[in-house]
N, C-alpha and C. Protein backbone atom coordinates (compact mmCIF):
# COMPACT_ATOMS: atom_id res chain seq x y z
N MET A 1 42.31 6.38 8.66
CA MET A 1 41.67 6.63 7.39
C MET A 1 40.76 5.45 7.06
N TRP A 2 39.61 5.77 6.50
CA TRP A 2 38.61 4.76 6.14
C TRP A 2 38.77 4.37 4.68
N ILE A 3 38.56 3.12 4.40
CA ILE A 3 38.60 2.63 3.03
C ILE A 3 37.25 2.01 2.71
N VAL A 4 36.64 2.43 1.59
CA VAL A 4 35.36 1.87 1.18
C VAL A 4 35.65 0.58 0.43
N GLY A 5 35.07 -0.48 0.90
CA GLY A 5 35.29 -1.78 0.29
C GLY A 5 33.99 -2.47 -0.02
N LYS A 6 34.07 -3.68 -0.45
CA LYS A 6 32.90 -4.46 -0.83
C LYS A 6 32.93 -5.76 -0.05
N TYR A 7 31.81 -6.08 0.59
CA TYR A 7 31.70 -7.29 1.38
C TYR A 7 30.66 -8.18 0.72
N ILE A 8 31.03 -9.35 0.31
CA ILE A 8 30.12 -10.27 -0.36
C ILE A 8 29.90 -11.46 0.56
N CYS A 9 28.67 -11.61 0.98
CA CYS A 9 28.32 -12.71 1.86
C CYS A 9 26.81 -12.91 1.78
N THR A 10 26.31 -14.00 2.29
CA THR A 10 24.87 -14.25 2.29
C THR A 10 24.21 -13.38 3.35
N HIS A 11 22.94 -13.11 3.11
CA HIS A 11 22.16 -12.28 4.02
C HIS A 11 21.87 -13.05 5.30
N THR A 12 22.17 -12.44 6.45
CA THR A 12 22.03 -13.17 7.71
C THR A 12 21.02 -12.54 8.67
N CYS A 13 20.25 -11.54 8.23
CA CYS A 13 19.27 -10.93 9.13
C CYS A 13 18.17 -11.93 9.44
N ASP A 14 17.67 -11.88 10.66
CA ASP A 14 16.61 -12.78 11.08
C ASP A 14 15.26 -12.17 10.71
N MET A 15 14.63 -12.68 9.67
CA MET A 15 13.34 -12.15 9.21
C MET A 15 12.17 -12.65 10.06
N ASN A 16 12.42 -13.57 10.97
CA ASN A 16 11.34 -14.06 11.83
C ASN A 16 10.92 -13.02 12.85
N THR A 17 11.78 -12.04 13.13
CA THR A 17 11.44 -11.00 14.10
C THR A 17 10.67 -9.85 13.47
N PHE A 18 10.46 -9.88 12.16
CA PHE A 18 9.72 -8.84 11.45
C PHE A 18 8.25 -8.93 11.85
N ASN A 19 7.66 -7.81 12.24
CA ASN A 19 6.26 -7.84 12.66
C ASN A 19 5.46 -6.72 11.99
N GLY A 20 4.20 -6.69 12.23
CA GLY A 20 3.30 -5.73 11.60
C GLY A 20 3.43 -4.32 12.15
N ASN A 21 4.22 -4.10 13.19
CA ASN A 21 4.39 -2.77 13.74
C ASN A 21 5.67 -2.10 13.25
N HIS A 22 6.26 -2.62 12.21
CA HIS A 22 7.48 -2.03 11.66
C HIS A 22 7.18 -0.62 11.16
N PHE A 23 8.09 0.33 11.38
CA PHE A 23 7.82 1.72 11.05
C PHE A 23 7.65 1.98 9.56
N ASN A 24 8.19 1.12 8.72
CA ASN A 24 8.01 1.28 7.28
C ASN A 24 6.67 0.75 6.78
N LEU A 25 5.97 0.00 7.61
CA LEU A 25 4.66 -0.52 7.22
C LEU A 25 3.58 0.51 7.56
N ASN A 26 3.59 1.61 6.84
CA ASN A 26 2.59 2.63 7.08
C ASN A 26 1.37 2.39 6.19
N VAL A 27 0.36 3.20 6.38
CA VAL A 27 -0.90 3.02 5.68
C VAL A 27 -0.72 3.14 4.17
N ASP A 28 0.12 4.06 3.72
CA ASP A 28 0.30 4.26 2.28
C ASP A 28 0.92 3.04 1.61
N LEU A 29 1.92 2.44 2.25
CA LEU A 29 2.57 1.26 1.66
C LEU A 29 1.61 0.08 1.59
N ILE A 30 0.91 -0.16 2.67
CA ILE A 30 0.00 -1.31 2.71
C ILE A 30 -1.17 -1.11 1.75
N SER A 31 -1.63 0.14 1.60
CA SER A 31 -2.77 0.39 0.70
C SER A 31 -2.41 0.08 -0.75
N LEU A 32 -1.13 0.20 -1.11
CA LEU A 32 -0.73 -0.14 -2.48
C LEU A 32 -0.92 -1.63 -2.77
N VAL A 33 -0.78 -2.45 -1.73
CA VAL A 33 -0.99 -3.88 -1.89
C VAL A 33 -2.47 -4.19 -2.10
N LEU A 34 -3.35 -3.41 -1.45
CA LEU A 34 -4.77 -3.73 -1.47
C LEU A 34 -5.56 -3.06 -2.59
N ILE A 35 -4.97 -2.12 -3.31
CA ILE A 35 -5.71 -1.42 -4.36
C ILE A 35 -6.30 -2.38 -5.40
N PRO A 36 -5.56 -3.37 -5.90
CA PRO A 36 -6.19 -4.29 -6.88
C PRO A 36 -7.40 -5.05 -6.30
N HIS A 37 -7.34 -5.38 -5.02
CA HIS A 37 -8.46 -6.09 -4.39
C HIS A 37 -9.68 -5.19 -4.25
N ILE A 38 -9.47 -3.92 -3.88
CA ILE A 38 -10.57 -2.97 -3.75
C ILE A 38 -11.19 -2.69 -5.12
N GLU A 39 -10.36 -2.62 -6.16
CA GLU A 39 -10.87 -2.39 -7.51
C GLU A 39 -11.73 -3.56 -7.99
N SER A 40 -11.35 -4.77 -7.62
CA SER A 40 -12.09 -5.93 -8.09
C SER A 40 -13.38 -6.16 -7.31
N SER A 41 -13.41 -5.79 -6.03
CA SER A 41 -14.60 -5.99 -5.22
C SER A 41 -14.81 -4.79 -4.30
N ILE A 42 -15.93 -4.09 -4.49
CA ILE A 42 -16.20 -2.91 -3.66
C ILE A 42 -16.54 -3.32 -2.22
N ARG A 43 -16.91 -4.56 -2.01
CA ARG A 43 -17.27 -5.05 -0.68
C ARG A 43 -16.12 -5.81 -0.01
N TYR A 44 -14.92 -5.43 -0.30
CA TYR A 44 -13.74 -6.07 0.28
C TYR A 44 -13.70 -5.76 1.78
N LYS A 45 -13.61 -6.78 2.62
CA LYS A 45 -13.75 -6.63 4.06
C LYS A 45 -12.41 -6.42 4.75
N ILE A 46 -12.47 -5.92 5.98
CA ILE A 46 -11.28 -5.66 6.78
C ILE A 46 -10.52 -6.96 7.05
N LYS A 47 -11.25 -8.01 7.35
CA LYS A 47 -10.62 -9.31 7.61
C LYS A 47 -9.86 -9.80 6.38
N GLU A 48 -10.41 -9.55 5.19
CA GLU A 48 -9.73 -9.94 3.96
C GLU A 48 -8.49 -9.09 3.72
N CYS A 49 -8.50 -7.84 4.18
CA CYS A 49 -7.31 -6.99 4.08
C CYS A 49 -6.16 -7.59 4.88
N ILE A 50 -6.46 -8.04 6.08
CA ILE A 50 -5.43 -8.63 6.94
C ILE A 50 -4.88 -9.90 6.29
N THR A 51 -5.77 -10.72 5.76
CA THR A 51 -5.34 -11.97 5.11
C THR A 51 -4.49 -11.70 3.87
N SER A 52 -4.91 -10.77 3.04
CA SER A 52 -4.17 -10.46 1.81
C SER A 52 -2.78 -9.93 2.13
N PHE A 53 -2.69 -9.06 3.13
CA PHE A 53 -1.39 -8.51 3.48
C PHE A 53 -0.48 -9.60 4.04
N HIS A 54 -1.06 -10.51 4.82
CA HIS A 54 -0.27 -11.61 5.38
C HIS A 54 0.26 -12.51 4.26
N GLN A 55 -0.53 -12.72 3.23
CA GLN A 55 -0.07 -13.56 2.11
C GLN A 55 1.07 -12.91 1.34
N VAL A 56 1.05 -11.58 1.21
CA VAL A 56 2.09 -10.89 0.44
C VAL A 56 3.37 -10.72 1.25
N TYR A 57 3.26 -10.24 2.50
CA TYR A 57 4.44 -9.89 3.29
C TYR A 57 4.76 -10.88 4.41
N GLY A 58 3.84 -11.77 4.71
CA GLY A 58 4.11 -12.78 5.73
C GLY A 58 4.01 -12.28 7.15
N CYS A 59 3.38 -11.13 7.37
CA CYS A 59 3.19 -10.65 8.75
C CYS A 59 1.76 -10.16 8.90
N THR A 60 1.32 -10.06 10.13
CA THR A 60 -0.05 -9.70 10.43
C THR A 60 -0.10 -8.25 10.91
N ILE A 61 -1.10 -7.52 10.43
CA ILE A 61 -1.30 -6.15 10.88
C ILE A 61 -2.52 -6.12 11.80
N THR A 62 -2.63 -5.07 12.58
CA THR A 62 -3.75 -4.94 13.52
C THR A 62 -5.03 -4.60 12.78
N LYS A 63 -6.16 -4.80 13.45
CA LYS A 63 -7.45 -4.47 12.83
C LYS A 63 -7.58 -2.97 12.60
N ARG A 64 -7.03 -2.18 13.51
CA ARG A 64 -7.07 -0.72 13.34
C ARG A 64 -6.30 -0.30 12.10
N LYS A 65 -5.09 -0.84 11.94
CA LYS A 65 -4.30 -0.49 10.77
C LYS A 65 -4.99 -1.00 9.51
N ALA A 66 -5.60 -2.17 9.57
CA ALA A 66 -6.32 -2.70 8.41
C ALA A 66 -7.50 -1.81 8.06
N PHE A 67 -8.19 -1.28 9.07
CA PHE A 67 -9.31 -0.36 8.82
C PHE A 67 -8.81 0.91 8.13
N LEU A 68 -7.72 1.48 8.63
CA LEU A 68 -7.16 2.69 8.02
C LEU A 68 -6.67 2.44 6.60
N VAL A 69 -6.07 1.26 6.39
CA VAL A 69 -5.59 0.89 5.06
C VAL A 69 -6.77 0.72 4.10
N HIS A 70 -7.82 0.08 4.56
CA HIS A 70 -9.02 -0.12 3.74
C HIS A 70 -9.60 1.22 3.34
N LYS A 71 -9.70 2.13 4.29
CA LYS A 71 -10.23 3.46 4.03
C LYS A 71 -9.36 4.21 3.03
N ARG A 72 -8.05 4.14 3.20
CA ARG A 72 -7.11 4.84 2.31
C ARG A 72 -7.15 4.23 0.90
N SER A 73 -7.19 2.92 0.78
CA SER A 73 -7.26 2.26 -0.52
C SER A 73 -8.55 2.63 -1.24
N PHE A 74 -9.64 2.67 -0.50
CA PHE A 74 -10.94 3.03 -1.08
C PHE A 74 -10.91 4.46 -1.61
N GLU A 75 -10.27 5.38 -0.86
CA GLU A 75 -10.16 6.76 -1.30
C GLU A 75 -9.28 6.88 -2.55
N ILE A 76 -8.22 6.08 -2.62
CA ILE A 76 -7.35 6.12 -3.80
C ILE A 76 -8.11 5.66 -5.03
N VAL A 77 -8.90 4.62 -4.90
CA VAL A 77 -9.61 4.06 -6.05
C VAL A 77 -10.83 4.90 -6.42
N TYR A 78 -11.67 5.27 -5.44
CA TYR A 78 -12.95 5.90 -5.73
C TYR A 78 -13.03 7.38 -5.37
N GLY A 79 -12.02 7.94 -4.72
CA GLY A 79 -12.06 9.33 -4.29
C GLY A 79 -12.71 9.46 -2.92
N ASN A 80 -12.64 10.65 -2.36
CA ASN A 80 -13.22 10.84 -1.03
C ASN A 80 -14.56 11.57 -1.12
N TRP A 81 -15.25 11.67 0.00
CA TRP A 81 -16.61 12.21 0.03
C TRP A 81 -16.64 13.68 -0.36
N ASP A 82 -15.70 14.46 0.15
CA ASP A 82 -15.71 15.90 -0.12
C ASP A 82 -15.51 16.19 -1.61
N LYS A 83 -14.59 15.48 -2.24
CA LYS A 83 -14.37 15.69 -3.67
C LYS A 83 -15.58 15.22 -4.48
N SER A 84 -16.24 14.16 -4.03
CA SER A 84 -17.42 13.67 -4.74
C SER A 84 -18.55 14.70 -4.68
N PHE A 85 -18.78 15.28 -3.51
CA PHE A 85 -19.82 16.29 -3.39
C PHE A 85 -19.45 17.55 -4.15
N ALA A 86 -18.16 17.87 -4.21
CA ALA A 86 -17.73 19.05 -4.98
C ALA A 86 -17.94 18.83 -6.48
N ALA A 87 -17.84 17.59 -6.94
CA ALA A 87 -18.01 17.29 -8.37
C ALA A 87 -19.48 17.12 -8.75
N LEU A 88 -20.38 17.04 -7.79
CA LEU A 88 -21.79 16.80 -8.07
C LEU A 88 -22.44 17.88 -8.94
N PRO A 89 -22.21 19.17 -8.71
CA PRO A 89 -22.83 20.18 -9.59
C PRO A 89 -22.37 20.05 -11.05
N ARG A 90 -21.11 19.76 -11.26
CA ARG A 90 -20.60 19.58 -12.62
C ARG A 90 -21.22 18.35 -13.29
N TYR A 91 -21.37 17.28 -12.51
CA TYR A 91 -21.98 16.06 -13.03
C TYR A 91 -23.44 16.32 -13.43
N MET A 92 -24.18 17.02 -12.60
CA MET A 92 -25.58 17.31 -12.90
C MET A 92 -25.70 18.24 -14.11
N ALA A 93 -24.78 19.19 -14.25
CA ALA A 93 -24.78 20.07 -15.42
C ALA A 93 -24.52 19.25 -16.69
N ALA A 94 -23.62 18.27 -16.61
CA ALA A 94 -23.36 17.40 -17.76
C ALA A 94 -24.58 16.55 -18.09
N LEU A 95 -25.29 16.07 -17.06
CA LEU A 95 -26.53 15.30 -17.31
C LEU A 95 -27.54 16.14 -18.06
N GLN A 96 -27.70 17.39 -17.65
CA GLN A 96 -28.67 18.26 -18.32
C GLN A 96 -28.22 18.62 -19.73
N TYR A 97 -26.93 18.77 -19.93
CA TYR A 97 -26.41 19.15 -21.24
C TYR A 97 -26.56 18.01 -22.25
N PHE A 98 -26.23 16.79 -21.84
CA PHE A 98 -26.26 15.66 -22.76
C PHE A 98 -27.61 14.96 -22.82
N ASN A 99 -28.48 15.20 -21.86
CA ASN A 99 -29.84 14.64 -21.85
C ASN A 99 -30.82 15.81 -21.79
N LEU A 100 -31.09 16.39 -22.92
CA LEU A 100 -31.94 17.58 -22.97
C LEU A 100 -33.30 17.28 -22.36
N GLY A 101 -33.78 18.21 -21.55
CA GLY A 101 -35.07 18.04 -20.90
C GLY A 101 -34.99 17.41 -19.52
N THR A 102 -33.79 17.02 -19.09
CA THR A 102 -33.62 16.45 -17.75
C THR A 102 -33.87 17.53 -16.71
N VAL A 103 -34.64 17.19 -15.70
CA VAL A 103 -34.99 18.13 -14.64
C VAL A 103 -34.09 17.87 -13.44
N VAL A 104 -33.45 18.93 -12.95
CA VAL A 104 -32.59 18.84 -11.77
C VAL A 104 -33.02 19.92 -10.80
N GLU A 105 -33.23 19.56 -9.55
CA GLU A 105 -33.65 20.51 -8.52
C GLU A 105 -32.73 20.36 -7.31
N TRP A 106 -32.18 21.48 -6.83
CA TRP A 106 -31.26 21.50 -5.69
C TRP A 106 -31.88 22.25 -4.53
N LYS A 107 -31.42 21.94 -3.34
CA LYS A 107 -31.72 22.79 -2.19
C LYS A 107 -30.46 22.85 -1.32
N LEU A 108 -29.93 24.04 -1.21
CA LEU A 108 -28.79 24.32 -0.34
C LEU A 108 -29.21 25.42 0.61
N GLU A 109 -28.78 25.34 1.85
CA GLU A 109 -29.11 26.38 2.83
C GLU A 109 -27.84 27.00 3.35
N TRP A 110 -27.84 28.33 3.43
CA TRP A 110 -26.69 29.05 3.94
C TRP A 110 -26.65 28.94 5.46
N SER A 111 -25.51 28.56 5.98
CA SER A 111 -25.32 28.45 7.42
C SER A 111 -24.41 29.58 7.89
N PRO A 112 -24.95 30.57 8.59
CA PRO A 112 -24.11 31.69 9.01
C PRO A 112 -23.05 31.29 10.05
N GLY A 113 -23.29 30.20 10.77
CA GLY A 113 -22.33 29.77 11.80
C GLY A 113 -21.02 29.29 11.22
N ILE A 114 -21.09 28.56 10.11
CA ILE A 114 -19.86 28.03 9.51
C ILE A 114 -19.52 28.71 8.19
N GLN A 115 -20.35 29.67 7.76
CA GLN A 115 -20.11 30.46 6.55
C GLN A 115 -20.01 29.58 5.30
N LYS A 116 -20.88 28.59 5.19
CA LYS A 116 -20.91 27.71 4.03
C LYS A 116 -22.34 27.32 3.74
N PHE A 117 -22.55 26.82 2.50
CA PHE A 117 -23.84 26.25 2.15
C PHE A 117 -23.90 24.82 2.64
N ILE A 118 -25.05 24.42 3.15
CA ILE A 118 -25.27 23.05 3.61
C ILE A 118 -26.20 22.36 2.63
N PHE A 119 -25.81 21.18 2.18
CA PHE A 119 -26.59 20.39 1.23
C PHE A 119 -27.82 19.83 1.93
N ARG A 120 -29.00 20.04 1.33
CA ARG A 120 -30.25 19.48 1.87
C ARG A 120 -30.77 18.35 0.99
N TYR A 121 -30.94 18.62 -0.32
CA TYR A 121 -31.39 17.55 -1.21
C TYR A 121 -31.05 17.87 -2.65
N LEU A 122 -31.08 16.83 -3.46
CA LEU A 122 -30.90 16.92 -4.90
C LEU A 122 -31.90 15.96 -5.54
N PHE A 123 -32.63 16.44 -6.52
CA PHE A 123 -33.63 15.65 -7.23
C PHE A 123 -33.33 15.72 -8.71
N TRP A 124 -33.44 14.59 -9.44
CA TRP A 124 -33.32 14.63 -10.90
C TRP A 124 -34.19 13.56 -11.54
N ALA A 125 -34.68 13.91 -12.70
CA ALA A 125 -35.50 13.00 -13.51
C ALA A 125 -35.11 13.20 -14.97
N PHE A 126 -34.86 12.11 -15.66
CA PHE A 126 -34.47 12.17 -17.06
C PHE A 126 -35.70 12.44 -17.93
N LYS A 127 -35.48 13.12 -19.04
CA LYS A 127 -36.58 13.45 -19.96
C LYS A 127 -37.25 12.18 -20.48
N SER A 128 -36.48 11.15 -20.77
CA SER A 128 -37.06 9.89 -21.26
C SER A 128 -37.97 9.25 -20.21
N ALA A 129 -37.62 9.37 -18.94
CA ALA A 129 -38.47 8.83 -17.88
C ALA A 129 -39.76 9.64 -17.75
N ILE A 130 -39.65 10.95 -17.91
CA ILE A 130 -40.82 11.81 -17.83
C ILE A 130 -41.79 11.49 -18.97
N ASP A 131 -41.24 11.33 -20.17
CA ASP A 131 -42.08 11.01 -21.33
C ASP A 131 -42.67 9.61 -21.26
N GLY A 132 -41.92 8.67 -20.68
CA GLY A 132 -42.38 7.29 -20.62
C GLY A 132 -43.39 7.00 -19.54
N PHE A 133 -43.57 7.94 -18.60
CA PHE A 133 -44.50 7.71 -17.50
C PHE A 133 -45.94 7.57 -17.98
N VAL A 134 -46.29 8.17 -19.10
CA VAL A 134 -47.67 8.07 -19.60
C VAL A 134 -48.03 6.64 -19.99
N HIS A 135 -47.04 5.78 -20.22
CA HIS A 135 -47.29 4.39 -20.60
C HIS A 135 -47.20 3.43 -19.41
N CYS A 136 -47.14 3.98 -18.21
CA CYS A 136 -47.02 3.15 -16.99
C CYS A 136 -48.36 3.08 -16.27
N ARG A 137 -48.45 2.11 -15.39
CA ARG A 137 -49.63 2.00 -14.53
C ARG A 137 -49.61 3.18 -13.56
N PRO A 138 -50.76 3.68 -13.15
CA PRO A 138 -50.81 4.91 -12.35
C PRO A 138 -50.48 4.72 -10.86
N VAL A 139 -49.46 3.97 -10.57
CA VAL A 139 -49.00 3.78 -9.19
C VAL A 139 -47.49 4.02 -9.16
N ILE A 140 -47.05 4.82 -8.23
CA ILE A 140 -45.62 5.12 -8.09
C ILE A 140 -45.12 4.49 -6.79
N TYR A 141 -44.01 3.79 -6.88
CA TYR A 141 -43.37 3.18 -5.71
C TYR A 141 -42.11 3.97 -5.39
N ILE A 142 -41.87 4.20 -4.13
CA ILE A 142 -40.66 4.92 -3.70
C ILE A 142 -39.88 4.01 -2.76
N ASP A 143 -38.61 3.87 -3.06
CA ASP A 143 -37.72 3.05 -2.23
C ASP A 143 -36.51 3.89 -1.87
N ASN A 144 -35.87 3.56 -0.75
CA ASN A 144 -34.68 4.30 -0.36
C ASN A 144 -33.61 3.35 0.14
N THR A 145 -32.41 3.84 0.17
CA THR A 145 -31.29 3.09 0.72
C THR A 145 -30.36 4.07 1.42
N HIS A 146 -29.77 3.63 2.48
CA HIS A 146 -28.80 4.46 3.20
C HIS A 146 -27.49 4.47 2.43
N VAL A 147 -26.86 5.63 2.38
CA VAL A 147 -25.54 5.75 1.79
C VAL A 147 -24.58 5.83 2.97
N TYR A 148 -23.81 4.76 3.18
CA TYR A 148 -22.92 4.69 4.32
C TYR A 148 -21.62 5.40 4.02
N GLY A 149 -21.14 6.17 4.95
CA GLY A 149 -19.89 6.89 4.76
C GLY A 149 -19.84 8.09 5.69
N LYS A 150 -19.19 9.13 5.24
CA LYS A 150 -18.97 10.31 6.06
C LYS A 150 -20.27 11.04 6.37
N TYR A 151 -21.17 11.11 5.39
CA TYR A 151 -22.40 11.86 5.56
C TYR A 151 -23.58 10.93 5.74
N ASP A 152 -24.56 11.38 6.50
CA ASP A 152 -25.77 10.60 6.77
C ASP A 152 -26.83 10.99 5.75
N ILE A 153 -26.82 10.33 4.59
CA ILE A 153 -27.74 10.67 3.50
C ILE A 153 -28.44 9.41 3.00
N LYS A 154 -29.50 9.63 2.22
CA LYS A 154 -30.25 8.53 1.61
C LYS A 154 -30.37 8.78 0.12
N LEU A 155 -30.43 7.69 -0.62
CA LEU A 155 -30.73 7.72 -2.05
C LEU A 155 -32.16 7.23 -2.22
N LEU A 156 -33.02 8.06 -2.80
CA LEU A 156 -34.42 7.70 -3.04
C LEU A 156 -34.62 7.44 -4.53
N ILE A 157 -35.44 6.46 -4.84
CA ILE A 157 -35.75 6.13 -6.23
C ILE A 157 -37.26 5.96 -6.36
N ALA A 158 -37.84 6.68 -7.30
CA ALA A 158 -39.26 6.54 -7.59
C ALA A 158 -39.38 5.70 -8.86
N VAL A 159 -40.17 4.63 -8.80
CA VAL A 159 -40.35 3.73 -9.94
C VAL A 159 -41.84 3.49 -10.17
N ALA A 160 -42.13 3.06 -11.38
CA ALA A 160 -43.49 2.66 -11.73
C ALA A 160 -43.38 1.33 -12.48
N VAL A 161 -44.52 0.75 -12.79
CA VAL A 161 -44.56 -0.49 -13.56
C VAL A 161 -45.11 -0.15 -14.95
N ASP A 162 -44.36 -0.52 -15.99
CA ASP A 162 -44.79 -0.18 -17.35
C ASP A 162 -45.81 -1.20 -17.88
N ALA A 163 -46.19 -1.05 -19.13
CA ALA A 163 -47.21 -1.91 -19.73
C ALA A 163 -46.77 -3.36 -19.85
N ASN A 164 -45.47 -3.62 -19.89
CA ASN A 164 -44.95 -4.99 -19.95
C ASN A 164 -44.79 -5.63 -18.58
N GLY A 165 -45.10 -4.89 -17.53
CA GLY A 165 -44.95 -5.42 -16.18
C GLY A 165 -43.53 -5.28 -15.64
N SER A 166 -42.70 -4.49 -16.31
CA SER A 166 -41.31 -4.28 -15.88
C SER A 166 -41.20 -3.00 -15.04
N ILE A 167 -40.17 -2.94 -14.22
CA ILE A 167 -39.93 -1.76 -13.40
C ILE A 167 -39.39 -0.64 -14.29
N PHE A 168 -39.96 0.55 -14.14
CA PHE A 168 -39.58 1.71 -14.94
C PHE A 168 -39.12 2.81 -13.99
N PRO A 169 -37.82 3.15 -13.96
CA PRO A 169 -37.34 4.21 -13.05
C PRO A 169 -37.83 5.58 -13.49
N LEU A 170 -38.36 6.35 -12.56
CA LEU A 170 -38.91 7.66 -12.88
C LEU A 170 -38.01 8.80 -12.44
N ALA A 171 -37.60 8.79 -11.18
CA ALA A 171 -36.83 9.91 -10.64
C ALA A 171 -35.91 9.41 -9.53
N PHE A 172 -34.91 10.23 -9.25
CA PHE A 172 -33.92 9.91 -8.23
C PHE A 172 -33.74 11.12 -7.33
N ALA A 173 -33.34 10.87 -6.08
CA ALA A 173 -33.08 11.99 -5.16
C ALA A 173 -32.03 11.55 -4.15
N ILE A 174 -31.24 12.51 -3.74
CA ILE A 174 -30.31 12.33 -2.63
C ILE A 174 -30.72 13.36 -1.59
N CYS A 175 -30.96 12.90 -0.36
CA CYS A 175 -31.41 13.84 0.66
C CYS A 175 -30.76 13.51 1.99
N ALA A 176 -30.83 14.50 2.89
CA ALA A 176 -30.33 14.28 4.24
C ALA A 176 -31.23 13.25 4.93
N ASN A 177 -30.68 12.51 5.84
CA ASN A 177 -31.40 11.44 6.49
C ASN A 177 -32.48 11.95 7.42
N GLU A 178 -32.37 13.19 7.85
CA GLU A 178 -33.37 13.74 8.75
C GLU A 178 -34.60 14.19 7.97
N SER A 179 -35.75 14.14 8.58
CA SER A 179 -36.97 14.58 7.91
C SER A 179 -37.40 15.91 8.49
N GLN A 180 -37.83 16.82 7.61
CA GLN A 180 -38.24 18.15 8.07
C GLN A 180 -39.62 18.47 7.57
């Protein structure tokens, strides 16, 4: 017959053998440690993830695991690409509702192969920017930046110079990186 008892003694496990490949050190657990760092700096690097985790738990994780943790932490804080694109129509509708006169133009193409609409471009210009363009110099500058992530897209911004010599944003666009 077994008797349940109580054993009181100091902890004797050897914590020096603990390593970064422990089965409980999964991506979800480690990402909880890094969420405050990702919130404070959007440019938090993979190398900094490894260092931060080492400071908290005293063990080193691999670069692959750090990459996965960084990706997971970023998704927890900012959401993922698919949900962001799904929320885009609602966001643009809110822009038009609260900024009367805002112009929004979409282009989606139906793809019979995958039975879904494919995003081509989105253009928007605020009513205040449209009205303010008459007070700008008659030259428009267009600049773009790559949006790094799951999709290969660019953010385009059209600006002009106003009467004070300051940059005046006119319109914005998100488009596929390919030119047609």
